[in-house]
Amino acid sequence: MAPRNETTKLGDDYPPLHGRVVAALRDAILSGRFKPGERLVEERLAQEWGVSRNPVREAIRVLASEGLVEVAARRGASVVKMSDQEARETIELRALLEGHNARLAARRQDKETIKRIEKVLSKGTLAVANGQFDQLTDLNQQFHQELAAAGQNTVLGEVLKKLRERTAMLFSPADPAYQARNWDEHAGILRAIIAGDERGAATLAAEHVMHAGSDYLLGLDAGDEISRFVLKPNGNSNALPAAPGRGVRAAKR
């Protein structure tokens, strides 16, 4: 939720205000409005959103606990700026865990959640076709939230939520070519899940994350991380080891 104009300030709305300010600050960071390393001045944010400094201070505290904000004794609060190594490791970890979550989703076949994913996918694909790129950030978040739910592992879902937020600041801007590929990859992941193809779903989900972070990794002269990390079509990789399982599904991995 982006900061509102002077005629519709957050402070004019009915409480609970705390959650709304947290969401506003989080979205401003994840959308790139506040850049990594940029200072977050309580008084300025409070004035812009039409609130007191208390909910702004609390929002900063919450986002600091999520790893999106850092608070220094003299400098105050600022948007987290990851080192090159931290950024690379975060992308790699998210790719690995997204792959495992997709594997679980293909195994567990939660029909109701899959239906919700299909609806989000249809909306995202239509938005790309119509050039409605302003809708895609929210739809992308919805897709990955539902995908996490399909894995039916609450702890994994919570970890992935934090990793998605941290990597959102690193990934490519929403240009048309990138978004078209992004939603094509979403469709491929979902097809593999519906087919019960655990190995394929894991591979496509991991590749999806690495592709999204490719511009950043290439900027670190680490483009070969993409090819080394994800499974290749012939399956010759040990980056995503098959999870233990039984029966027909296990044979697919």
C-alpha atoms as a PDB file:
ATOM      1  CA  MET A   1       0.000   0.000   0.000  1.00  0.00           C
ATOM      2  CA  ALA A   2       1.673   3.202  -1.171  1.00  0.00           C
ATOM      3  CA  PRO A   3       1.505   6.374   0.942  1.00  0.00           C
ATOM      4  CA  ARG A   4      -1.704   8.287   0.243  1.00  0.00           C
ATOM      5  CA  ASN A   5      -2.175  11.892  -0.825  1.00  0.00           C
ATOM      6  CA  GLU A   6      -3.134  14.670   1.574  1.00  0.00           C
ATOM      7  CA  THR A   7      -6.882  14.169   1.089  1.00  0.00           C
ATOM      8  CA  THR A   8      -6.843  10.502   2.144  1.00  0.00           C
ATOM      9  CA  LYS A   9      -4.239  10.098   4.853  1.00  0.00           C
ATOM     10  CA  LEU A  10      -3.882   6.932   6.891  1.00  0.00           C
ATOM     11  CA  GLY A  11      -4.639   8.859  10.063  1.00  0.00           C
ATOM     12  CA  ASP A  12      -8.109   9.716   8.720  1.00  0.00           C
ATOM     13  CA  ASP A  13      -9.112   6.052   8.688  1.00  0.00           C
ATOM     14  CA  TYR A  14     -10.629   4.027  11.479  1.00  0.00           C
ATOM     15  CA  PRO A  15      -8.208   1.962  13.632  1.00  0.00           C
ATOM     16  CA  PRO A  16      -6.410  -0.406  13.901  1.00  0.00           C
ATOM     17  CA  LEU A  17      -3.795   1.972  12.607  1.00  0.00           C
ATOM     18  CA  HIS A  18      -0.733  -0.023  13.646  1.00  0.00           C
ATOM     19  CA  GLY A  19      -1.189  -2.746  11.035  1.00  0.00           C
ATOM     20  CA  ARG A  20      -1.942  -0.231   8.301  1.00  0.00           C
ATOM     21  CA  VAL A  21       1.253   1.721   8.939  1.00  0.00           C
ATOM     22  CA  VAL A  22       3.298  -1.483   9.018  1.00  0.00           C
ATOM     23  CA  ALA A  23       1.773  -2.527   5.677  1.00  0.00           C
ATOM     24  CA  ALA A  24       2.330   0.922   4.166  1.00  0.00           C
ATOM     25  CA  LEU A  25       5.997   1.004   5.161  1.00  0.00           C
ATOM     26  CA  ARG A  26       6.585  -2.601   4.093  1.00  0.00           C
ATOM     27  CA  ASP A  27       5.027  -1.990   0.667  1.00  0.00           C
ATOM     28  CA  ALA A  28       6.991   1.235   0.193  1.00  0.00           C
ATOM     29  CA  ILE A  29      10.205  -0.716   0.798  1.00  0.00           C
ATOM     30  CA  LEU A  30       9.314  -3.752  -1.310  1.00  0.00           C
ATOM     31  CA  SER A  31       8.080  -1.624  -4.218  1.00  0.00           C
ATOM     32  CA  GLY A  32      11.427   0.174  -4.332  1.00  0.00           C
ATOM     33  CA  ARG A  33      10.051   3.556  -3.286  1.00  0.00           C
ATOM     34  CA  PHE A  34      12.492   3.483  -0.383  1.00  0.00           C
ATOM     35  CA  LYS A  35      15.860   2.257  -1.609  1.00  0.00           C
ATOM     36  CA  PRO A  36      18.337   0.027   0.248  1.00  0.00           C
ATOM     37  CA  GLY A  37      20.330   2.197   2.639  1.00  0.00           C
ATOM     38  CA  GLU A  38      17.796   5.053   2.580  1.00  0.00           C
ATOM     39  CA  ARG A  39      17.037   6.622   5.955  1.00  0.00           C
ATOM     40  CA  LEU A  40      13.533   6.319   7.404  1.00  0.00           C
ATOM     41  CA  VAL A  41      12.776   9.516   9.303  1.00  0.00           C
ATOM     42  CA  GLU A  42       9.891   9.038  11.735  1.00  0.00           C
ATOM     43  CA  GLU A  43       8.725  12.651  11.690  1.00  0.00           C
ATOM     44  CA  ARG A  44       8.655  12.845   7.895  1.00  0.00           C
ATOM     45  CA  LEU A  45       6.781   9.559   7.513  1.00  0.00           C
ATOM     46  CA  ALA A  46       4.300  10.505  10.224  1.00  0.00           C
ATOM     47  CA  GLN A  47       3.562  13.795   8.490  1.00  0.00           C
ATOM     48  CA  GLU A  48       3.180  12.155   5.080  1.00  0.00           C
ATOM     49  CA  TRP A  49       0.761   9.510   6.345  1.00  0.00           C
ATOM     50  CA  GLY A  50      -1.135  11.788   8.708  1.00  0.00           C
ATOM     51  CA  VAL A  51      -0.335   9.813  11.863  1.00  0.00           C
ATOM     52  CA  SER A  52       1.592  10.337  15.075  1.00  0.00           C
ATOM     53  CA  ARG A  53       5.176   9.146  15.388  1.00  0.00           C
ATOM     54  CA  ASN A  54       4.240   6.221  17.656  1.00  0.00           C
ATOM     55  CA  PRO A  55       2.751   3.923  14.971  1.00  0.00           C
ATOM     56  CA  VAL A  56       5.640   4.810  12.640  1.00  0.00           C
ATOM     57  CA  ARG A  57       8.151   3.906  15.344  1.00  0.00           C
ATOM     58  CA  GLU A  58       6.334   0.621  15.977  1.00  0.00           C
ATOM     59  CA  ALA A  59       6.253  -0.153  12.232  1.00  0.00           C
ATOM     60  CA  ILE A  60      10.003   0.381  12.046  1.00  0.00           C
ATOM     61  CA  ARG A  61      10.464  -1.989  14.986  1.00  0.00           C
ATOM     62  CA  VAL A  62       8.311  -4.673  13.318  1.00  0.00           C
ATOM     63  CA  LEU A  63      10.125  -4.417   9.994  1.00  0.00           C
ATOM     64  CA  ALA A  64      13.474  -4.496  11.754  1.00  0.00           C
ATOM     65  CA  SER A  65      12.431  -7.854  13.244  1.00  0.00           C
ATOM     66  CA  GLU A  66      11.564  -9.029   9.706  1.00  0.00           C
ATOM     67  CA  GLY A  67      14.974  -8.038   8.381  1.00  0.00           C
ATOM     68  CA  LEU A  68      13.767  -5.224   6.102  1.00  0.00           C
ATOM     69  CA  VAL A  69      14.947  -2.337   8.304  1.00  0.00           C
ATOM     70  CA  GLU A  70      18.079  -1.833  10.352  1.00  0.00           C
ATOM     71  CA  VAL A  71      18.371   0.555  13.283  1.00  0.00           C
ATOM     72  CA  ALA A  72      21.738   2.073  14.184  1.00  0.00           C
ATOM     73  CA  ALA A  73      22.407   3.955  17.416  1.00  0.00           C
ATOM     74  CA  ARG A  74      23.378   7.281  15.821  1.00  0.00           C
ATOM     75  CA  ARG A  75      22.059   7.040  12.280  1.00  0.00           C
ATOM     76  CA  GLY A  76      18.582   5.855  13.196  1.00  0.00           C
ATOM     77  CA  ALA A  77      16.476   3.605  10.961  1.00  0.00           C
ATOM     78  CA  SER A  78      17.182   2.814   7.329  1.00  0.00           C
ATOM     79  CA  VAL A  79      16.212   0.249   4.725  1.00  0.00           C
ATOM     80  CA  VAL A  80      18.442  -2.807   4.929  1.00  0.00           C
ATOM     81  CA  LYS A  81      21.225  -2.918   2.363  1.00  0.00           C
ATOM     82  CA  MET A  82      22.548  -6.436   1.962  1.00  0.00           C
ATOM     83  CA  SER A  83      26.131  -7.169   1.105  1.00  0.00           C
ATOM     84  CA  ASP A  84      26.802  -8.913  -2.196  1.00  0.00           C
ATOM     85  CA  GLN A  85      27.424 -12.179  -0.391  1.00  0.00           C
ATOM     86  CA  GLU A  86      24.236 -11.892   1.678  1.00  0.00           C
ATOM     87  CA  ALA A  87      22.194 -11.137  -1.442  1.00  0.00           C
ATOM     88  CA  ARG A  88      23.587 -14.105  -3.362  1.00  0.00           C
ATOM     89  CA  GLU A  89      23.078 -16.453  -0.426  1.00  0.00           C
ATOM     90  CA  THR A  90      19.511 -15.219   0.101  1.00  0.00           C
ATOM     91  CA  ILE A  91      18.608 -15.816  -3.552  1.00  0.00           C
ATOM     92  CA  GLU A  92      20.178 -19.278  -3.460  1.00  0.00           C
ATOM     93  CA  LEU A  93      18.393 -20.243  -0.248  1.00  0.00           C
ATOM     94  CA  ARG A  94      15.040 -19.057  -1.512  1.00  0.00           C
ATOM     95  CA  ALA A  95      15.528 -21.003  -4.751  1.00  0.00           C
ATOM     96  CA  LEU A  96      16.270 -24.179  -2.818  1.00  0.00           C
ATOM     97  CA  LEU A  97      13.297 -23.802  -0.481  1.00  0.00           C
ATOM     98  CA  GLU A  98      10.849 -22.741  -3.213  1.00  0.00           C
ATOM     99  CA  GLY A  99      11.884 -25.889  -5.055  1.00  0.00           C
ATOM    100  CA  HIS A 100      11.203 -28.081  -2.028  1.00  0.00           C
ATOM    101  CA  ASN A 101       7.857 -26.375  -1.410  1.00  0.00           C
ATOM    102  CA  ALA A 102       6.787 -27.010  -5.017  1.00  0.00           C
ATOM    103  CA  ARG A 103       7.837 -30.644  -4.588  1.00  0.00           C
ATOM    104  CA  LEU A 104       5.573 -30.913  -1.550  1.00  0.00           C
ATOM    105  CA  ALA A 105       2.714 -29.218  -3.403  1.00  0.00           C
ATOM    106  CA  ALA A 106       2.981 -31.753  -6.242  1.00  0.00           C
ATOM    107  CA  ARG A 107       2.983 -34.586  -3.714  1.00  0.00           C
ATOM    108  CA  ARG A 108       0.087 -33.403  -1.560  1.00  0.00           C
ATOM    109  CA  GLN A 109      -2.292 -32.271  -4.305  1.00  0.00           C
ATOM    110  CA  ASP A 110      -4.404 -29.807  -2.298  1.00  0.00           C
ATOM    111  CA  LYS A 111      -7.215 -29.375  -4.810  1.00  0.00           C
ATOM    112  CA  GLU A 112      -8.781 -26.287  -3.238  1.00  0.00           C
ATOM    113  CA  THR A 113      -5.468 -24.440  -3.023  1.00  0.00           C
ATOM    114  CA  ILE A 114      -4.613 -25.424  -6.595  1.00  0.00           C
ATOM    115  CA  LYS A 115      -7.921 -23.905  -7.725  1.00  0.00           C
ATOM    116  CA  ARG A 116      -6.973 -20.646  -6.004  1.00  0.00           C
ATOM    117  CA  ILE A 117      -3.554 -20.703  -7.681  1.00  0.00           C
ATOM    118  CA  GLU A 118      -5.233 -21.213 -11.062  1.00  0.00           C
ATOM    119  CA  LYS A 119      -7.418 -18.146 -10.473  1.00  0.00           C
ATOM    120  CA  VAL A 120      -4.425 -15.988  -9.559  1.00  0.00           C
ATOM    121  CA  LEU A 121      -2.517 -17.304 -12.577  1.00  0.00           C
ATOM    122  CA  SER A 122      -5.408 -16.380 -14.890  1.00  0.00           C
ATOM    123  CA  LYS A 123      -5.529 -12.853 -13.469  1.00  0.00           C
ATOM    124  CA  GLY A 124      -1.766 -12.418 -13.800  1.00  0.00           C
ATOM    125  CA  THR A 125      -1.661 -13.711 -17.356  1.00  0.00           C
ATOM    126  CA  LEU A 126      -4.526 -11.421 -18.330  1.00  0.00           C
ATOM    127  CA  ALA A 127      -2.873  -8.425 -16.666  1.00  0.00           C
ATOM    128  CA  VAL A 128       0.332  -9.051 -18.660  1.00  0.00           C
ATOM    129  CA  ALA A 129      -1.649  -9.372 -21.908  1.00  0.00           C
ATOM    130  CA  ASN A 130      -3.483  -6.100 -21.208  1.00  0.00           C
ATOM    131  CA  GLY A 131      -0.371  -4.228 -20.075  1.00  0.00           C
ATOM    132  CA  GLN A 132      -1.792  -3.729 -16.578  1.00  0.00           C
ATOM    133  CA  PHE A 133       1.604  -3.993 -14.911  1.00  0.00           C
ATOM    134  CA  ASP A 134       0.524  -2.054 -11.831  1.00  0.00           C
ATOM    135  CA  GLN A 135      -1.499  -5.111 -10.767  1.00  0.00           C
ATOM    136  CA  LEU A 136       1.337  -7.601 -11.038  1.00  0.00           C
ATOM    137  CA  THR A 137       3.174  -6.956  -7.776  1.00  0.00           C
ATOM    138  CA  ASP A 138       0.131  -7.898  -5.701  1.00  0.00           C
ATOM    139  CA  LEU A 139      -0.766 -10.805  -7.986  1.00  0.00           C
ATOM    140  CA  ASN A 140       2.775 -12.144  -7.833  1.00  0.00           C
ATOM    141  CA  GLN A 141       2.641 -12.055  -4.031  1.00  0.00           C
ATOM    142  CA  GLN A 142      -0.713 -13.848  -4.103  1.00  0.00           C
ATOM    143  CA  PHE A 143       0.649 -16.540  -6.420  1.00  0.00           C
ATOM    144  CA  HIS A 144       3.598 -17.316  -4.181  1.00  0.00           C
ATOM    145  CA  GLN A 145       1.506 -17.159  -1.012  1.00  0.00           C
ATOM    146  CA  GLU A 146      -0.920 -19.717  -2.414  1.00  0.00           C
ATOM    147  CA  LEU A 147       1.969 -21.818  -3.698  1.00  0.00           C
ATOM    148  CA  ALA A 148       3.410 -21.871  -0.178  1.00  0.00           C
ATOM    149  CA  ALA A 149       0.005 -22.905   1.157  1.00  0.00           C
ATOM    150  CA  ALA A 150      -0.118 -25.778  -1.343  1.00  0.00           C
ATOM    151  CA  GLY A 151       3.068 -27.191   0.186  1.00  0.00           C
ATOM    152  CA  GLN A 152       1.223 -27.607   3.498  1.00  0.00           C
ATOM    153  CA  ASN A 153       4.296 -26.932   5.629  1.00  0.00           C
ATOM    154  CA  THR A 154       3.630 -23.985   7.934  1.00  0.00           C
ATOM    155  CA  VAL A 155       7.223 -23.512   9.071  1.00  0.00           C
ATOM    156  CA  LEU A 156       8.504 -23.592   5.491  1.00  0.00           C
ATOM    157  CA  GLY A 157       5.798 -21.113   4.470  1.00  0.00           C
ATOM    158  CA  GLU A 158       6.850 -18.647   7.173  1.00  0.00           C
ATOM    159  CA  VAL A 159      10.502 -18.860   6.144  1.00  0.00           C
ATOM    160  CA  LEU A 160       9.616 -18.388   2.479  1.00  0.00           C
ATOM    161  CA  LYS A 161       7.530 -15.311   3.292  1.00  0.00           C
ATOM    162  CA  LYS A 162      10.534 -13.604   4.865  1.00  0.00           C
ATOM    163  CA  LEU A 163      12.826 -14.652   2.015  1.00  0.00           C
ATOM    164  CA  ARG A 164      10.357 -13.354  -0.598  1.00  0.00           C
ATOM    165  CA  GLU A 165      10.309  -9.971   1.096  1.00  0.00           C
ATOM    166  CA  ARG A 166      14.096  -9.779   1.274  1.00  0.00           C
ATOM    167  CA  THR A 167      14.602 -10.827  -2.352  1.00  0.00           C
ATOM    168  CA  ALA A 168      11.921  -8.455  -3.635  1.00  0.00           C
ATOM    169  CA  MET A 169      14.422  -5.609  -3.247  1.00  0.00           C
ATOM    170  CA  LEU A 170      16.947  -7.426  -5.445  1.00  0.00           C
ATOM    171  CA  PHE A 171      14.893  -8.658  -8.359  1.00  0.00           C
ATOM    172  CA  SER A 172      14.489  -7.153 -11.801  1.00  0.00           C
ATOM    173  CA  PRO A 173      12.112  -4.234 -12.447  1.00  0.00           C
ATOM    174  CA  ALA A 174       8.713  -5.039 -13.875  1.00  0.00           C
ATOM    175  CA  ASP A 175       9.368  -4.544 -17.592  1.00  0.00           C
ATOM    176  CA  PRO A 176       6.987  -6.237 -20.073  1.00  0.00           C
ATOM    177  CA  ALA A 177       9.454  -8.881 -21.278  1.00  0.00           C
ATOM    178  CA  TYR A 178      10.362  -9.871 -17.729  1.00  0.00           C
ATOM    179  CA  GLN A 179       6.728 -10.062 -16.627  1.00  0.00           C
ATOM    180  CA  ALA A 180       5.704 -12.185 -19.619  1.00  0.00           C
ATOM    181  CA  ARG A 181       8.458 -14.694 -18.808  1.00  0.00           C
ATOM    182  CA  ASN A 182       7.638 -14.510 -15.103  1.00  0.00           C
ATOM    183  CA  TRP A 183       4.025 -15.586 -15.606  1.00  0.00           C
ATOM    184  CA  ASP A 184       4.944 -18.207 -18.200  1.00  0.00           C
ATOM    185  CA  GLU A 185       7.199 -19.727 -15.537  1.00  0.00           C
ATOM    186  CA  HIS A 186       4.360 -19.566 -13.001  1.00  0.00           C
ATOM    187  CA  ALA A 187       2.198 -21.532 -15.435  1.00  0.00           C
ATOM    188  CA  GLY A 188       4.908 -24.158 -15.891  1.00  0.00           C
ATOM    189  CA  ILE A 189       5.296 -24.649 -12.145  1.00  0.00           C
ATOM    190  CA  LEU A 190       1.555 -25.089 -11.723  1.00  0.00           C
ATOM    191  CA  ARG A 191       1.321 -27.584 -14.586  1.00  0.00           C
ATOM    192  CA  ALA A 192       4.018 -29.711 -12.970  1.00  0.00           C
ATOM    193  CA  ILE A 193       2.245 -29.568  -9.602  1.00  0.00           C
ATOM    194  CA  ILE A 194      -1.099 -30.598 -11.105  1.00  0.00           C
ATOM    195  CA  ALA A 195       0.624 -33.466 -12.944  1.00  0.00           C
ATOM    196  CA  GLY A 196       2.160 -34.671  -9.672  1.00  0.00           C
ATOM    197  CA  ASP A 197       5.640 -34.241 -11.133  1.00  0.00           C
ATOM    198  CA  GLU A 198       7.601 -33.540  -7.966  1.00  0.00           C
ATOM    199  CA  ARG A 199      11.003 -33.351  -9.609  1.00  0.00           C
ATOM    200  CA  GLY A 200       9.773 -31.117 -12.418  1.00  0.00           C
ATOM    201  CA  ALA A 201       7.931 -28.787 -10.036  1.00  0.00           C
ATOM    202  CA  ALA A 202      11.012 -28.470  -7.816  1.00  0.00           C
ATOM    203  CA  THR A 203      13.258 -27.755 -10.783  1.00  0.00           C
ATOM    204  CA  LEU A 204      10.972 -25.134 -12.318  1.00  0.00           C
ATOM    205  CA  ALA A 205      10.356 -23.360  -9.002  1.00  0.00           C
ATOM    206  CA  ALA A 206      14.090 -23.150  -8.235  1.00  0.00           C
ATOM    207  CA  GLU A 207      14.893 -21.945 -11.754  1.00  0.00           C
ATOM    208  CA  HIS A 208      12.142 -19.337 -11.458  1.00  0.00           C
ATOM    209  CA  VAL A 209      13.815 -17.733  -8.442  1.00  0.00           C
ATOM    210  CA  MET A 210      17.267 -17.838 -10.006  1.00  0.00           C
ATOM    211  CA  HIS A 211      15.943 -16.278 -13.222  1.00  0.00           C
ATOM    212  CA  ALA A 212      14.273 -13.507 -11.214  1.00  0.00           C
ATOM    213  CA  GLY A 213      17.577 -12.760  -9.497  1.00  0.00           C
ATOM    214  CA  SER A 214      19.675 -13.205 -12.624  1.00  0.00           C
ATOM    215  CA  ASP A 215      20.259  -9.494 -13.277  1.00  0.00           C
ATOM    216  CA  TYR A 216      21.567  -9.030  -9.760  1.00  0.00           C
ATOM    217  CA  LEU A 217      23.775 -12.114  -9.907  1.00  0.00           C
ATOM    218  CA  LEU A 218      25.144 -11.138 -13.307  1.00  0.00           C
ATOM    219  CA  GLY A 219      26.033  -7.787 -11.820  1.00  0.00           C
ATOM    220  CA  LEU A 220      28.193  -9.678  -9.338  1.00  0.00           C
ATOM    221  CA  ASP A 221      29.879 -11.617 -12.153  1.00  0.00           C
ATOM    222  CA  ALA A 222      28.067 -14.656 -10.826  1.00  0.00           C
ATOM    223  CA  GLY A 223      25.839 -15.536 -13.745  1.00  0.00           C
ATOM    224  CA  ASP A 224      27.160 -19.086 -13.742  1.00  0.00           C
ATOM    225  CA  GLU A 225      25.470 -19.523 -10.370  1.00  0.00           C
ATOM    226  CA  ILE A 226      22.207 -19.862 -12.284  1.00  0.00           C
ATOM    227  CA  SER A 227      23.356 -22.803 -14.369  1.00  0.00           C
ATOM    228  CA  ARG A 228      25.237 -24.456 -11.512  1.00  0.00           C
ATOM    229  CA  PHE A 229      22.507 -24.142  -8.924  1.00  0.00           C
ATOM    230  CA  VAL A 230      19.318 -25.288 -10.662  1.00  0.00           C
ATOM    231  CA  LEU A 231      18.570 -28.712 -12.026  1.00  0.00           C
ATOM    232  CA  LYS A 232      19.048 -29.006 -15.776  1.00  0.00           C
ATOM    233  CA  PRO A 233      16.502 -30.731 -18.033  1.00  0.00           C
ATOM    234  CA  ASN A 234      18.518 -33.949 -18.023  1.00  0.00           C
ATOM    235  CA  GLY A 235      18.486 -33.932 -14.223  1.00  0.00           C
ATOM    236  CA  ASN A 236      22.293 -33.867 -13.876  1.00  0.00           C
ATOM    237  CA  SER A 237      22.544 -31.821 -10.719  1.00  0.00           C
ATOM    238  CA  ASN A 238      22.728 -32.448  -7.013  1.00  0.00           C
ATOM    239  CA  ALA A 239      21.531 -28.980  -6.001  1.00  0.00           C
ATOM    240  CA  LEU A 240      17.995 -30.168  -5.269  1.00  0.00           C
ATOM    241  CA  PRO A 241      18.236 -33.671  -3.848  1.00  0.00           C
ATOM    242  CA  ALA A 242      15.096 -35.793  -4.047  1.00  0.00           C
ATOM    243  CA  ALA A 243      13.135 -35.912  -0.828  1.00  0.00           C
ATOM    244  CA  PRO A 244      12.404 -39.342   0.583  1.00  0.00           C
ATOM    245  CA  GLY A 245       9.064 -40.781  -0.483  1.00  0.00           C
ATOM    246  CA  ARG A 246       7.200 -43.910  -1.422  1.00  0.00           C
ATOM    247  CA  GLY A 247       5.295 -45.463  -4.271  1.00  0.00           C
ATOM    248  CA  VAL A 248       4.615 -43.994  -7.703  1.00  0.00           C
ATOM    249  CA  ARG A 249       5.211 -40.385  -6.657  1.00  0.00           C
ATOM    250  CA  ALA A 250       8.659 -41.190  -5.305  1.00  0.00           C
ATOM    251  CA  ALA A 251       9.596 -42.790  -8.614  1.00  0.00           C
ATOM    252  CA  LYS A 252       8.895 -39.540 -10.415  1.00  0.00           C
ATOM    253  CA  ARG A 253      11.660 -37.701  -8.600  1.00  0.00           C
END
